[in-house]
Amino acid sequence: MIVLHNAFDDAYVFAADEVAAINRIGATSGCHTCGRRDPETRSGNWIGDLQPPTAVNHSGKPQRIFPHCLTCQRIQAGYVFELRRKNGFAGEGLPRPSAVVLVTGDRDTFEPPRAERGKVVFASTAGVSIGCRSGMDGTTCLRLLDADDRADADRPLFDGLIATPSRRLDVVTPDYRTLATRLVRETEIRLRIWCDHAVEPDQVDIAIG
């Protein structure tokens, strides 16, 4: 079993006055991407969206903060991953927290499934995106388990097969950095995923095999 967290020491920490300002703007104008008036977070806080996104702000341009709803933050995370992958920006150092974590058997060609409102797991045959807590509000504990580590009768939110042509499974962040790698023997592996909340979980269990 491997235990991971979606929070890291080099992440941008929003000050209390910034959170208050983001919430005030969000209450007035809604999500800056879709216009929705509900942030969708358990805390009720809007997510502070740095623009341009830090992961693709290679020239260090000044950033502004806008209110984002949880779904739009997750959709943007998928776009950021694709931009980083296609442009070869694997980066160094610690990954930053995001509203999703990606699990794939072929990270070099993976196109993350688009997030859907009101859901926490988004899957394709190439991989899975799993919703996490907003980095502003807390952390999500991710446990990578072997098939027999979770033998209880709880029905998983996801139970399906993922292609693993490279015979490895990677857990990666949207800024295209690897949290963990598990080598497998098959070119297709079963994943089961349990989350302790239907939209924004504190804990995610991922059983492999």
N, C-alpha and C. Protein backbone atom coordinates (compact mmCIF):
# COMPACT_ATOMS: atom_id res chain seq x y z
N MET A 1 0.84 -1.19 0.00
CA MET A 1 0.00 0.00 0.00
C MET A 1 0.88 1.24 0.00
N ILE A 2 0.56 2.18 -0.86
CA ILE A 2 1.27 3.46 -0.94
C ILE A 2 0.28 4.56 -0.61
N VAL A 3 0.64 5.45 0.30
CA VAL A 3 -0.23 6.56 0.69
C VAL A 3 0.32 7.86 0.12
N LEU A 4 -0.53 8.60 -0.57
CA LEU A 4 -0.14 9.86 -1.19
C LEU A 4 -1.09 10.96 -0.72
N HIS A 5 -0.68 12.20 -0.91
CA HIS A 5 -1.55 13.33 -0.61
C HIS A 5 -1.48 14.32 -1.77
N ASN A 6 -2.56 15.06 -1.98
CA ASN A 6 -2.60 16.02 -3.07
C ASN A 6 -2.26 17.43 -2.59
N ALA A 7 -1.38 17.55 -1.61
CA ALA A 7 -0.95 18.87 -1.15
C ALA A 7 0.56 18.86 -0.97
N PHE A 8 1.23 19.95 -1.33
CA PHE A 8 2.68 20.00 -1.34
C PHE A 8 3.17 21.34 -0.82
N ASP A 9 4.38 21.36 -0.31
CA ASP A 9 4.89 22.52 0.41
C ASP A 9 5.06 23.76 -0.47
N ASP A 10 5.23 23.59 -1.79
CA ASP A 10 5.51 24.76 -2.63
C ASP A 10 4.24 25.34 -3.25
N ALA A 11 3.08 24.88 -2.80
CA ALA A 11 1.82 25.38 -3.36
C ALA A 11 1.57 26.81 -2.91
N TYR A 12 0.88 27.56 -3.76
CA TYR A 12 0.49 28.91 -3.40
C TYR A 12 -0.56 28.84 -2.29
N VAL A 13 -0.34 29.58 -1.22
CA VAL A 13 -1.29 29.59 -0.10
C VAL A 13 -2.04 30.91 -0.14
N PHE A 14 -3.36 30.83 -0.24
CA PHE A 14 -4.18 32.03 -0.29
C PHE A 14 -4.35 32.61 1.11
N ALA A 15 -4.11 33.90 1.23
CA ALA A 15 -4.31 34.60 2.49
C ALA A 15 -5.80 34.77 2.75
N ALA A 16 -6.14 35.01 4.02
CA ALA A 16 -7.55 35.13 4.40
C ALA A 16 -8.24 36.25 3.63
N ASP A 17 -7.54 37.37 3.42
CA ASP A 17 -8.18 38.48 2.70
C ASP A 17 -8.39 38.13 1.23
N GLU A 18 -7.50 37.29 0.67
CA GLU A 18 -7.68 36.86 -0.72
C GLU A 18 -8.89 35.93 -0.83
N VAL A 19 -9.02 35.00 0.11
CA VAL A 19 -10.18 34.09 0.11
C VAL A 19 -11.47 34.89 0.22
N ALA A 20 -11.48 35.88 1.12
CA ALA A 20 -12.67 36.71 1.29
C ALA A 20 -13.00 37.46 0.01
N ALA A 21 -11.97 37.99 -0.67
CA ALA A 21 -12.20 38.73 -1.90
C ALA A 21 -12.70 37.82 -3.01
N ILE A 22 -12.12 36.61 -3.12
CA ILE A 22 -12.56 35.65 -4.14
C ILE A 22 -14.03 35.28 -3.91
N ASN A 23 -14.38 35.04 -2.64
CA ASN A 23 -15.76 34.69 -2.32
C ASN A 23 -16.71 35.85 -2.61
N ARG A 24 -16.28 37.06 -2.34
CA ARG A 24 -17.13 38.23 -2.59
C ARG A 24 -17.38 38.39 -4.10
N ILE A 25 -16.33 38.23 -4.90
CA ILE A 25 -16.47 38.35 -6.35
C ILE A 25 -17.33 37.20 -6.89
N GLY A 26 -17.09 35.99 -6.39
CA GLY A 26 -17.86 34.84 -6.83
C GLY A 26 -19.34 34.98 -6.52
N ALA A 27 -19.64 35.52 -5.35
CA ALA A 27 -21.04 35.71 -4.97
C ALA A 27 -21.73 36.72 -5.88
N THR A 28 -20.95 37.66 -6.40
CA THR A 28 -21.51 38.71 -7.25
C THR A 28 -21.62 38.29 -8.71
N SER A 29 -20.54 37.68 -9.22
CA SER A 29 -20.47 37.41 -10.66
C SER A 29 -20.40 35.94 -11.01
N GLY A 30 -20.24 35.05 -10.02
CA GLY A 30 -20.18 33.62 -10.29
C GLY A 30 -18.83 33.18 -10.81
N CYS A 31 -18.78 31.94 -11.28
CA CYS A 31 -17.55 31.36 -11.84
C CYS A 31 -17.12 32.15 -13.07
N HIS A 32 -15.85 32.48 -13.14
CA HIS A 32 -15.38 33.33 -14.25
C HIS A 32 -15.34 32.57 -15.57
N THR A 33 -15.50 31.25 -15.54
CA THR A 33 -15.52 30.46 -16.78
C THR A 33 -16.94 30.18 -17.25
N CYS A 34 -17.79 29.65 -16.35
CA CYS A 34 -19.14 29.23 -16.78
C CYS A 34 -20.26 30.12 -16.27
N GLY A 35 -19.96 31.01 -15.31
CA GLY A 35 -20.98 31.90 -14.77
C GLY A 35 -21.83 31.30 -13.67
N ARG A 36 -21.59 30.04 -13.31
CA ARG A 36 -22.39 29.38 -12.27
C ARG A 36 -22.24 30.10 -10.95
N ARG A 37 -23.33 30.20 -10.18
CA ARG A 37 -23.30 30.93 -8.91
C ARG A 37 -23.02 30.04 -7.71
N ASP A 38 -22.84 28.75 -7.92
CA ASP A 38 -22.55 27.80 -6.85
C ASP A 38 -21.11 27.31 -7.01
N PRO A 39 -20.24 27.51 -6.01
CA PRO A 39 -18.85 27.05 -6.16
C PRO A 39 -18.69 25.54 -6.15
N GLU A 40 -19.70 24.80 -5.64
CA GLU A 40 -19.73 23.33 -5.62
C GLU A 40 -18.79 22.72 -4.58
N THR A 41 -18.07 23.52 -3.83
CA THR A 41 -17.15 22.99 -2.83
C THR A 41 -17.89 22.72 -1.53
N ARG A 42 -17.39 21.77 -0.76
CA ARG A 42 -18.00 21.45 0.52
C ARG A 42 -17.93 22.63 1.49
N SER A 43 -16.88 23.42 1.40
CA SER A 43 -16.70 24.55 2.31
C SER A 43 -17.56 25.75 1.94
N GLY A 44 -18.01 25.78 0.69
CA GLY A 44 -18.71 26.96 0.20
C GLY A 44 -17.78 28.02 -0.34
N ASN A 45 -16.45 27.80 -0.25
CA ASN A 45 -15.48 28.74 -0.80
C ASN A 45 -15.38 28.59 -2.31
N TRP A 46 -15.25 29.70 -3.01
CA TRP A 46 -14.88 29.65 -4.41
C TRP A 46 -13.40 29.28 -4.50
N ILE A 47 -13.02 28.64 -5.59
CA ILE A 47 -11.62 28.26 -5.81
C ILE A 47 -10.91 29.42 -6.48
N GLY A 48 -9.77 29.81 -5.92
CA GLY A 48 -8.99 30.88 -6.52
C GLY A 48 -8.23 30.36 -7.73
N ASP A 49 -8.59 30.83 -8.90
CA ASP A 49 -7.96 30.37 -10.14
C ASP A 49 -6.93 31.39 -10.60
N LEU A 50 -5.67 31.00 -10.53
CA LEU A 50 -4.59 31.87 -10.98
C LEU A 50 -4.52 31.86 -12.50
N GLN A 51 -4.58 33.02 -13.11
CA GLN A 51 -4.51 33.15 -14.56
C GLN A 51 -3.37 34.09 -14.96
N PRO A 52 -2.49 33.66 -15.90
CA PRO A 52 -2.49 32.34 -16.52
C PRO A 52 -2.13 31.25 -15.50
N PRO A 53 -2.60 30.00 -15.74
CA PRO A 53 -2.32 28.92 -14.80
C PRO A 53 -0.82 28.76 -14.56
N THR A 54 -0.45 28.55 -13.31
CA THR A 54 0.97 28.45 -12.94
C THR A 54 1.70 27.40 -13.75
N ALA A 55 1.07 26.26 -14.00
CA ALA A 55 1.74 25.14 -14.68
C ALA A 55 2.11 25.45 -16.12
N VAL A 56 1.48 26.46 -16.73
CA VAL A 56 1.82 26.82 -18.11
C VAL A 56 2.34 28.25 -18.21
N ASN A 57 2.61 28.86 -17.07
CA ASN A 57 3.11 30.23 -17.04
C ASN A 57 4.64 30.22 -17.01
N HIS A 58 5.23 29.71 -18.09
CA HIS A 58 6.68 29.47 -18.12
C HIS A 58 7.49 30.76 -18.14
N SER A 59 6.91 31.82 -18.62
CA SER A 59 7.65 33.09 -18.70
C SER A 59 7.49 33.95 -17.45
N GLY A 60 6.73 33.45 -16.49
CA GLY A 60 6.56 34.18 -15.24
C GLY A 60 5.75 35.45 -15.36
N LYS A 61 4.73 35.44 -16.21
CA LYS A 61 3.87 36.62 -16.36
C LYS A 61 3.11 36.90 -15.07
N PRO A 62 2.77 38.15 -14.81
CA PRO A 62 1.94 38.45 -13.63
C PRO A 62 0.63 37.69 -13.70
N GLN A 63 0.16 37.22 -12.55
CA GLN A 63 -1.07 36.44 -12.49
C GLN A 63 -2.16 37.20 -11.74
N ARG A 64 -3.39 36.97 -12.17
CA ARG A 64 -4.55 37.50 -11.48
C ARG A 64 -5.37 36.32 -10.95
N ILE A 65 -6.15 36.57 -9.91
CA ILE A 65 -6.94 35.52 -9.28
C ILE A 65 -8.41 35.74 -9.58
N PHE A 66 -9.07 34.68 -10.06
CA PHE A 66 -10.49 34.74 -10.38
C PHE A 66 -11.22 33.61 -9.66
N PRO A 67 -12.52 33.77 -9.39
CA PRO A 67 -13.29 32.68 -8.76
C PRO A 67 -13.63 31.59 -9.77
N HIS A 68 -13.41 30.35 -9.36
CA HIS A 68 -13.68 29.19 -10.20
C HIS A 68 -14.58 28.25 -9.44
N CYS A 69 -15.54 27.62 -10.14
CA CYS A 69 -16.29 26.53 -9.53
C CYS A 69 -15.47 25.24 -9.64
N LEU A 70 -15.84 24.24 -8.86
CA LEU A 70 -15.06 23.01 -8.79
C LEU A 70 -15.00 22.29 -10.13
N THR A 71 -16.12 22.22 -10.84
CA THR A 71 -16.12 21.51 -12.13
C THR A 71 -15.21 22.20 -13.14
N CYS A 72 -15.29 23.52 -13.25
CA CYS A 72 -14.43 24.23 -14.21
C CYS A 72 -12.96 24.10 -13.84
N GLN A 73 -12.66 24.06 -12.53
CA GLN A 73 -11.27 23.86 -12.12
C GLN A 73 -10.77 22.50 -12.59
N ARG A 74 -11.62 21.48 -12.49
CA ARG A 74 -11.23 20.14 -12.91
C ARG A 74 -11.10 20.03 -14.43
N ILE A 75 -12.00 20.68 -15.15
CA ILE A 75 -11.88 20.68 -16.61
C ILE A 75 -10.59 21.36 -17.03
N GLN A 76 -10.28 22.49 -16.40
CA GLN A 76 -9.05 23.20 -16.73
C GLN A 76 -7.82 22.35 -16.42
N ALA A 77 -7.88 21.57 -15.34
CA ALA A 77 -6.75 20.70 -14.98
C ALA A 77 -6.45 19.71 -16.11
N GLY A 78 -7.49 19.19 -16.76
CA GLY A 78 -7.28 18.28 -17.88
C GLY A 78 -6.61 18.98 -19.05
N TYR A 79 -7.02 20.23 -19.33
CA TYR A 79 -6.39 20.98 -20.42
C TYR A 79 -4.92 21.27 -20.11
N VAL A 80 -4.65 21.62 -18.86
CA VAL A 80 -3.26 21.91 -18.46
C VAL A 80 -2.40 20.67 -18.64
N PHE A 81 -2.92 19.50 -18.23
CA PHE A 81 -2.15 18.26 -18.40
C PHE A 81 -1.80 18.03 -19.87
N GLU A 82 -2.78 18.20 -20.76
CA GLU A 82 -2.53 17.99 -22.19
C GLU A 82 -1.51 18.98 -22.74
N LEU A 83 -1.57 20.23 -22.31
CA LEU A 83 -0.60 21.23 -22.76
C LEU A 83 0.80 20.87 -22.28
N ARG A 84 0.92 20.49 -21.02
CA ARG A 84 2.23 20.10 -20.49
C ARG A 84 2.77 18.88 -21.23
N ARG A 85 1.90 17.89 -21.45
CA ARG A 85 2.36 16.65 -22.12
C ARG A 85 2.79 16.93 -23.55
N LYS A 86 1.95 17.64 -24.31
CA LYS A 86 2.23 17.87 -25.73
C LYS A 86 3.46 18.75 -25.94
N ASN A 87 3.75 19.60 -24.97
CA ASN A 87 4.91 20.49 -25.10
C ASN A 87 6.14 19.99 -24.36
N GLY A 88 6.05 18.80 -23.78
CA GLY A 88 7.20 18.17 -23.16
C GLY A 88 7.64 18.80 -21.85
N PHE A 89 6.71 19.44 -21.14
CA PHE A 89 7.08 20.08 -19.89
C PHE A 89 6.77 19.15 -18.73
N ALA A 90 7.67 18.19 -18.49
CA ALA A 90 7.47 17.29 -17.36
C ALA A 90 7.81 17.98 -16.05
N GLY A 91 8.75 18.92 -16.10
CA GLY A 91 9.09 19.71 -14.92
C GLY A 91 9.89 18.94 -13.90
N GLU A 92 10.36 19.67 -12.90
CA GLU A 92 11.12 19.09 -11.81
C GLU A 92 10.54 19.60 -10.49
N GLY A 93 10.94 18.96 -9.41
CA GLY A 93 10.47 19.41 -8.11
C GLY A 93 9.10 18.84 -7.78
N LEU A 94 8.49 19.44 -6.79
CA LEU A 94 7.23 18.93 -6.28
C LEU A 94 6.06 19.38 -7.13
N PRO A 95 5.09 18.49 -7.38
CA PRO A 95 3.87 18.90 -8.06
C PRO A 95 3.00 19.76 -7.15
N ARG A 96 2.14 20.54 -7.75
CA ARG A 96 1.24 21.40 -6.99
C ARG A 96 -0.13 20.72 -6.86
N PRO A 97 -0.88 21.07 -5.83
CA PRO A 97 -2.18 20.43 -5.65
C PRO A 97 -3.15 20.85 -6.74
N SER A 98 -4.10 20.01 -6.99
CA SER A 98 -5.13 20.32 -7.97
C SER A 98 -6.41 19.66 -7.54
N ALA A 99 -7.47 19.96 -8.27
CA ALA A 99 -8.76 19.37 -7.93
C ALA A 99 -8.92 17.97 -8.53
N VAL A 100 -7.91 17.47 -9.24
CA VAL A 100 -7.95 16.10 -9.76
C VAL A 100 -6.58 15.44 -9.65
N VAL A 101 -6.60 14.12 -9.64
CA VAL A 101 -5.40 13.31 -9.82
C VAL A 101 -5.71 12.33 -10.94
N LEU A 102 -4.72 12.06 -11.77
CA LEU A 102 -4.92 11.24 -12.96
C LEU A 102 -4.21 9.90 -12.81
N VAL A 103 -4.87 8.83 -13.24
CA VAL A 103 -4.29 7.49 -13.22
C VAL A 103 -4.34 6.95 -14.64
N THR A 104 -3.18 6.60 -15.20
CA THR A 104 -3.14 6.18 -16.60
C THR A 104 -2.09 5.12 -16.83
N GLY A 105 -2.33 4.29 -17.83
CA GLY A 105 -1.38 3.27 -18.23
C GLY A 105 -0.50 3.72 -19.38
N ASP A 106 -0.68 4.95 -19.86
CA ASP A 106 0.15 5.47 -20.96
C ASP A 106 0.17 6.99 -20.88
N ARG A 107 0.94 7.51 -19.95
CA ARG A 107 0.92 8.94 -19.66
C ARG A 107 1.35 9.80 -20.83
N ASP A 108 2.13 9.22 -21.77
CA ASP A 108 2.66 10.01 -22.88
C ASP A 108 1.64 10.25 -23.99
N THR A 109 0.50 9.55 -23.96
CA THR A 109 -0.55 9.79 -24.96
C THR A 109 -1.90 10.04 -24.32
N PHE A 110 -1.96 10.01 -23.00
CA PHE A 110 -3.23 10.08 -22.28
C PHE A 110 -3.91 11.44 -22.47
N GLU A 111 -5.19 11.40 -22.82
CA GLU A 111 -6.03 12.59 -22.86
C GLU A 111 -7.07 12.44 -21.75
N PRO A 112 -6.98 13.23 -20.69
CA PRO A 112 -7.88 13.05 -19.55
C PRO A 112 -9.35 13.17 -19.93
N PRO A 113 -10.19 12.30 -19.38
CA PRO A 113 -11.63 12.44 -19.62
C PRO A 113 -12.13 13.77 -19.06
N ARG A 114 -13.08 14.37 -19.73
CA ARG A 114 -13.62 15.66 -19.29
C ARG A 114 -14.44 15.49 -18.01
N ALA A 115 -14.17 16.35 -17.05
CA ALA A 115 -14.91 16.32 -15.79
C ALA A 115 -16.39 16.62 -16.03
N GLU A 116 -17.24 16.01 -15.22
CA GLU A 116 -18.68 16.22 -15.30
C GLU A 116 -19.18 16.75 -13.97
N ARG A 117 -20.13 17.67 -14.03
CA ARG A 117 -20.66 18.28 -12.83
C ARG A 117 -21.36 17.24 -11.95
N GLY A 118 -21.04 17.29 -10.65
CA GLY A 118 -21.70 16.41 -9.70
C GLY A 118 -21.10 15.02 -9.59
N LYS A 119 -19.98 14.78 -10.27
CA LYS A 119 -19.32 13.47 -10.22
C LYS A 119 -17.89 13.64 -9.71
N VAL A 120 -17.30 12.51 -9.29
CA VAL A 120 -15.95 12.56 -8.75
C VAL A 120 -14.97 11.69 -9.53
N VAL A 121 -15.46 10.70 -10.27
CA VAL A 121 -14.59 9.83 -11.08
C VAL A 121 -15.01 9.94 -12.54
N PHE A 122 -14.03 10.19 -13.40
CA PHE A 122 -14.26 10.34 -14.84
C PHE A 122 -13.29 9.40 -15.54
N ALA A 123 -13.81 8.49 -16.38
CA ALA A 123 -12.97 7.40 -16.89
C ALA A 123 -13.08 7.24 -18.39
N SER A 124 -11.99 6.72 -18.96
CA SER A 124 -11.96 6.23 -20.33
C SER A 124 -11.13 4.95 -20.30
N THR A 125 -10.98 4.28 -21.44
CA THR A 125 -10.17 3.06 -21.46
C THR A 125 -8.70 3.37 -21.27
N ALA A 126 -8.30 4.64 -21.43
CA ALA A 126 -6.89 5.01 -21.31
C ALA A 126 -6.51 5.47 -19.90
N GLY A 127 -7.50 5.78 -19.06
CA GLY A 127 -7.17 6.24 -17.73
C GLY A 127 -8.35 6.85 -17.02
N VAL A 128 -8.08 7.33 -15.82
CA VAL A 128 -9.13 7.85 -14.95
C VAL A 128 -8.69 9.17 -14.34
N SER A 129 -9.61 10.13 -14.28
CA SER A 129 -9.42 11.35 -13.51
C SER A 129 -10.24 11.22 -12.24
N ILE A 130 -9.64 11.54 -11.10
CA ILE A 130 -10.33 11.41 -9.81
C ILE A 130 -10.36 12.77 -9.14
N GLY A 131 -11.55 13.21 -8.78
CA GLY A 131 -11.69 14.49 -8.11
C GLY A 131 -11.14 14.46 -6.70
N CYS A 132 -10.48 15.56 -6.30
CA CYS A 132 -9.92 15.71 -4.95
C CYS A 132 -10.47 16.97 -4.29
N ARG A 133 -10.07 17.20 -3.05
CA ARG A 133 -10.42 18.45 -2.40
C ARG A 133 -9.75 19.61 -3.12
N SER A 134 -10.42 20.74 -3.12
CA SER A 134 -9.79 21.94 -3.62
C SER A 134 -8.55 22.23 -2.79
N GLY A 135 -7.46 22.63 -3.44
CA GLY A 135 -6.23 22.93 -2.72
C GLY A 135 -6.40 24.03 -1.69
N MET A 136 -7.43 24.88 -1.85
CA MET A 136 -7.68 25.95 -0.89
C MET A 136 -8.30 25.43 0.40
N ASP A 137 -8.98 24.29 0.32
CA ASP A 137 -9.80 23.84 1.44
C ASP A 137 -9.25 22.65 2.20
N GLY A 138 -8.27 21.97 1.66
CA GLY A 138 -7.77 20.82 2.38
C GLY A 138 -7.05 19.85 1.46
N THR A 139 -6.78 18.67 1.97
CA THR A 139 -6.04 17.67 1.22
C THR A 139 -6.89 16.42 1.05
N THR A 140 -6.52 15.62 0.07
CA THR A 140 -7.12 14.31 -0.13
C THR A 140 -6.03 13.26 0.02
N CYS A 141 -6.28 12.28 0.84
CA CYS A 141 -5.36 11.16 1.01
C CYS A 141 -5.67 10.12 -0.06
N LEU A 142 -4.67 9.74 -0.83
CA LEU A 142 -4.82 8.74 -1.88
C LEU A 142 -4.05 7.49 -1.48
N ARG A 143 -4.73 6.34 -1.46
CA ARG A 143 -4.06 5.09 -1.12
C ARG A 143 -4.06 4.18 -2.34
N LEU A 144 -2.87 3.75 -2.75
CA LEU A 144 -2.74 2.75 -3.81
C LEU A 144 -2.69 1.38 -3.16
N LEU A 145 -3.65 0.54 -3.50
CA LEU A 145 -3.80 -0.75 -2.85
C LEU A 145 -3.62 -1.89 -3.85
N ASP A 146 -3.17 -3.03 -3.34
CA ASP A 146 -3.23 -4.25 -4.13
C ASP A 146 -4.66 -4.78 -4.11
N ALA A 147 -4.96 -5.69 -5.02
CA ALA A 147 -6.33 -6.15 -5.21
C ALA A 147 -6.97 -6.67 -3.93
N ASP A 148 -6.18 -7.34 -3.08
CA ASP A 148 -6.73 -7.96 -1.88
C ASP A 148 -6.75 -7.05 -0.67
N ASP A 149 -6.21 -5.83 -0.79
CA ASP A 149 -6.14 -4.93 0.36
C ASP A 149 -7.49 -4.35 0.74
N ARG A 150 -8.41 -4.34 -0.20
CA ARG A 150 -9.74 -3.79 0.07
C ARG A 150 -10.76 -4.87 -0.29
N ALA A 151 -11.01 -5.76 0.65
CA ALA A 151 -11.87 -6.92 0.38
C ALA A 151 -13.27 -6.74 0.94
N ASP A 152 -13.61 -5.52 1.45
CA ASP A 152 -14.94 -5.34 2.03
C ASP A 152 -16.00 -5.30 0.93
N ALA A 153 -17.24 -5.25 1.37
CA ALA A 153 -18.35 -5.38 0.43
C ALA A 153 -18.80 -4.03 -0.14
N ASP A 154 -18.17 -2.93 0.27
CA ASP A 154 -18.57 -1.63 -0.25
C ASP A 154 -18.42 -1.60 -1.76
N ARG A 155 -19.44 -1.12 -2.42
CA ARG A 155 -19.40 -1.05 -3.88
C ARG A 155 -18.52 0.13 -4.31
N PRO A 156 -17.52 -0.09 -5.17
CA PRO A 156 -16.67 1.02 -5.60
C PRO A 156 -17.43 1.97 -6.53
N LEU A 157 -16.98 3.22 -6.56
CA LEU A 157 -17.56 4.17 -7.49
C LEU A 157 -17.16 3.86 -8.93
N PHE A 158 -15.99 3.24 -9.07
CA PHE A 158 -15.53 2.83 -10.40
C PHE A 158 -14.96 1.44 -10.32
N ASP A 159 -15.30 0.60 -11.30
CA ASP A 159 -14.76 -0.74 -11.41
C ASP A 159 -14.65 -1.03 -12.91
N GLY A 160 -13.42 -0.96 -13.43
CA GLY A 160 -13.26 -1.14 -14.87
C GLY A 160 -11.83 -1.45 -15.26
N LEU A 161 -11.63 -1.63 -16.55
CA LEU A 161 -10.32 -1.98 -17.09
C LEU A 161 -9.65 -0.77 -17.73
N ILE A 162 -8.34 -0.64 -17.48
CA ILE A 162 -7.53 0.44 -18.04
C ILE A 162 -6.41 -0.18 -18.86
N ALA A 163 -6.21 0.33 -20.07
CA ALA A 163 -5.13 -0.17 -20.91
C ALA A 163 -3.78 0.22 -20.33
N THR A 164 -2.86 -0.74 -20.28
CA THR A 164 -1.50 -0.49 -19.78
C THR A 164 -0.49 -1.02 -20.79
N PRO A 165 -0.41 -0.42 -21.99
CA PRO A 165 0.48 -0.94 -23.04
C PRO A 165 1.95 -0.92 -22.64
N SER A 166 2.33 -0.01 -21.75
CA SER A 166 3.72 0.06 -21.30
C SER A 166 3.96 -0.82 -20.07
N ARG A 167 2.91 -1.54 -19.64
CA ARG A 167 2.97 -2.40 -18.45
C ARG A 167 3.39 -1.61 -17.20
N ARG A 168 2.85 -0.42 -17.10
CA ARG A 168 3.06 0.39 -15.90
C ARG A 168 1.82 1.27 -15.71
N LEU A 169 1.58 1.62 -14.48
CA LEU A 169 0.46 2.48 -14.15
C LEU A 169 1.03 3.69 -13.42
N ASP A 170 0.73 4.88 -13.90
CA ASP A 170 1.24 6.11 -13.30
C ASP A 170 0.12 6.90 -12.66
N VAL A 171 0.38 7.44 -11.49
CA VAL A 171 -0.50 8.41 -10.85
C VAL A 171 0.17 9.77 -11.03
N VAL A 172 -0.49 10.66 -11.74
CA VAL A 172 0.14 11.93 -12.11
C VAL A 172 -0.76 13.10 -11.78
N THR A 173 -0.17 14.27 -11.68
CA THR A 173 -0.90 15.50 -11.44
C THR A 173 -1.10 16.23 -12.76
N PRO A 174 -2.03 17.20 -12.80
CA PRO A 174 -2.25 17.92 -14.06
C PRO A 174 -1.05 18.70 -14.57
N ASP A 175 -0.06 19.00 -13.70
CA ASP A 175 1.13 19.65 -14.23
C ASP A 175 2.16 18.62 -14.72
N TYR A 176 1.68 17.39 -15.01
CA TYR A 176 2.44 16.34 -15.69
C TYR A 176 3.66 15.89 -14.88
N ARG A 177 3.42 15.67 -13.60
CA ARG A 177 4.47 15.16 -12.73
C ARG A 177 3.94 13.90 -12.04
N THR A 178 4.83 12.96 -11.82
CA THR A 178 4.43 11.65 -11.34
C THR A 178 4.42 11.60 -9.81
N LEU A 179 3.31 11.15 -9.24
CA LEU A 179 3.23 10.91 -7.80
C LEU A 179 3.69 9.51 -7.45
N ALA A 180 3.32 8.53 -8.29
CA ALA A 180 3.68 7.14 -8.03
C ALA A 180 3.59 6.35 -9.32
N THR A 181 4.36 5.26 -9.38
CA THR A 181 4.34 4.35 -10.52
C THR A 181 4.24 2.93 -10.01
N ARG A 182 3.38 2.15 -10.63
CA ARG A 182 3.24 0.74 -10.28
C ARG A 182 3.44 -0.08 -11.54
N LEU A 183 4.43 -0.98 -11.54
CA LEU A 183 4.66 -1.87 -12.68
C LEU A 183 3.65 -3.01 -12.64
N VAL A 184 3.12 -3.38 -13.81
CA VAL A 184 2.14 -4.45 -13.90
C VAL A 184 2.58 -5.42 -15.00
N ARG A 185 2.03 -6.60 -14.99
CA ARG A 185 2.41 -7.62 -15.98
C ARG A 185 1.51 -7.61 -17.20
N GLU A 186 0.30 -7.10 -17.03
CA GLU A 186 -0.69 -7.17 -18.09
C GLU A 186 -0.71 -5.89 -18.93
N THR A 187 -1.30 -6.00 -20.12
CA THR A 187 -1.50 -4.82 -20.96
C THR A 187 -2.89 -4.23 -20.75
N GLU A 188 -3.60 -4.75 -19.77
CA GLU A 188 -4.89 -4.22 -19.36
C GLU A 188 -5.06 -4.59 -17.89
N ILE A 189 -5.39 -3.62 -17.08
CA ILE A 189 -5.44 -3.86 -15.64
C ILE A 189 -6.77 -3.38 -15.08
N ARG A 190 -7.26 -4.10 -14.09
CA ARG A 190 -8.51 -3.70 -13.43
C ARG A 190 -8.21 -2.65 -12.36
N LEU A 191 -9.04 -1.60 -12.34
CA LEU A 191 -8.98 -0.59 -11.29
C LEU A 191 -10.33 -0.55 -10.57
N ARG A 192 -10.28 -0.44 -9.26
CA ARG A 192 -11.47 -0.16 -8.48
C ARG A 192 -11.17 1.06 -7.61
N ILE A 193 -12.13 1.98 -7.55
CA ILE A 193 -11.91 3.25 -6.86
C ILE A 193 -13.05 3.50 -5.88
N TRP A 194 -12.69 3.78 -4.63
CA TRP A 194 -13.64 4.16 -3.59
C TRP A 194 -13.34 5.59 -3.14
N CYS A 195 -14.36 6.39 -2.95
CA CYS A 195 -14.21 7.75 -2.45
C CYS A 195 -15.15 7.94 -1.26
N ASP A 196 -14.71 8.68 -0.24
CA ASP A 196 -15.56 8.85 0.95
C ASP A 196 -16.52 10.03 0.82
N HIS A 197 -16.54 10.67 -0.34
CA HIS A 197 -17.51 11.74 -0.61
C HIS A 197 -17.83 11.71 -2.09
N ALA A 198 -19.08 11.99 -2.44
CA ALA A 198 -19.53 11.83 -3.82
C ALA A 198 -18.96 12.87 -4.77
N VAL A 199 -18.43 13.99 -4.25
CA VAL A 199 -17.92 15.04 -5.13
C VAL A 199 -16.51 15.50 -4.75
N GLU A 200 -16.25 15.65 -3.45
CA GLU A 200 -14.98 16.23 -3.00
C GLU A 200 -14.44 15.42 -1.82
N PRO A 201 -13.78 14.28 -2.09
CA PRO A 201 -13.43 13.35 -1.01
C PRO A 201 -12.20 13.75 -0.21
N ASP A 202 -12.19 13.30 1.06
CA ASP A 202 -11.00 13.40 1.90
C ASP A 202 -10.08 12.20 1.67
N GLN A 203 -10.66 11.06 1.28
CA GLN A 203 -9.85 9.86 1.06
C GLN A 203 -10.33 9.13 -0.19
N VAL A 204 -9.34 8.68 -0.97
CA VAL A 204 -9.59 7.89 -2.18
C VAL A 204 -8.75 6.62 -2.09
N ASP A 205 -9.39 5.48 -2.25
CA ASP A 205 -8.68 4.20 -2.33
C ASP A 205 -8.71 3.69 -3.77
N ILE A 206 -7.53 3.33 -4.30
CA ILE A 206 -7.40 2.83 -5.66
C ILE A 206 -6.81 1.42 -5.58
N ALA A 207 -7.63 0.41 -5.85
CA ALA A 207 -7.17 -0.98 -5.84
C ALA A 207 -6.76 -1.39 -7.24
N ILE A 208 -5.58 -1.94 -7.37
CA ILE A 208 -5.00 -2.29 -8.66
C ILE A 208 -4.98 -3.79 -8.82
N GLY A 209 -5.58 -4.29 -9.91
CA GLY A 209 -5.55 -5.72 -10.19
C GLY A 209 -6.81 -6.43 -9.70
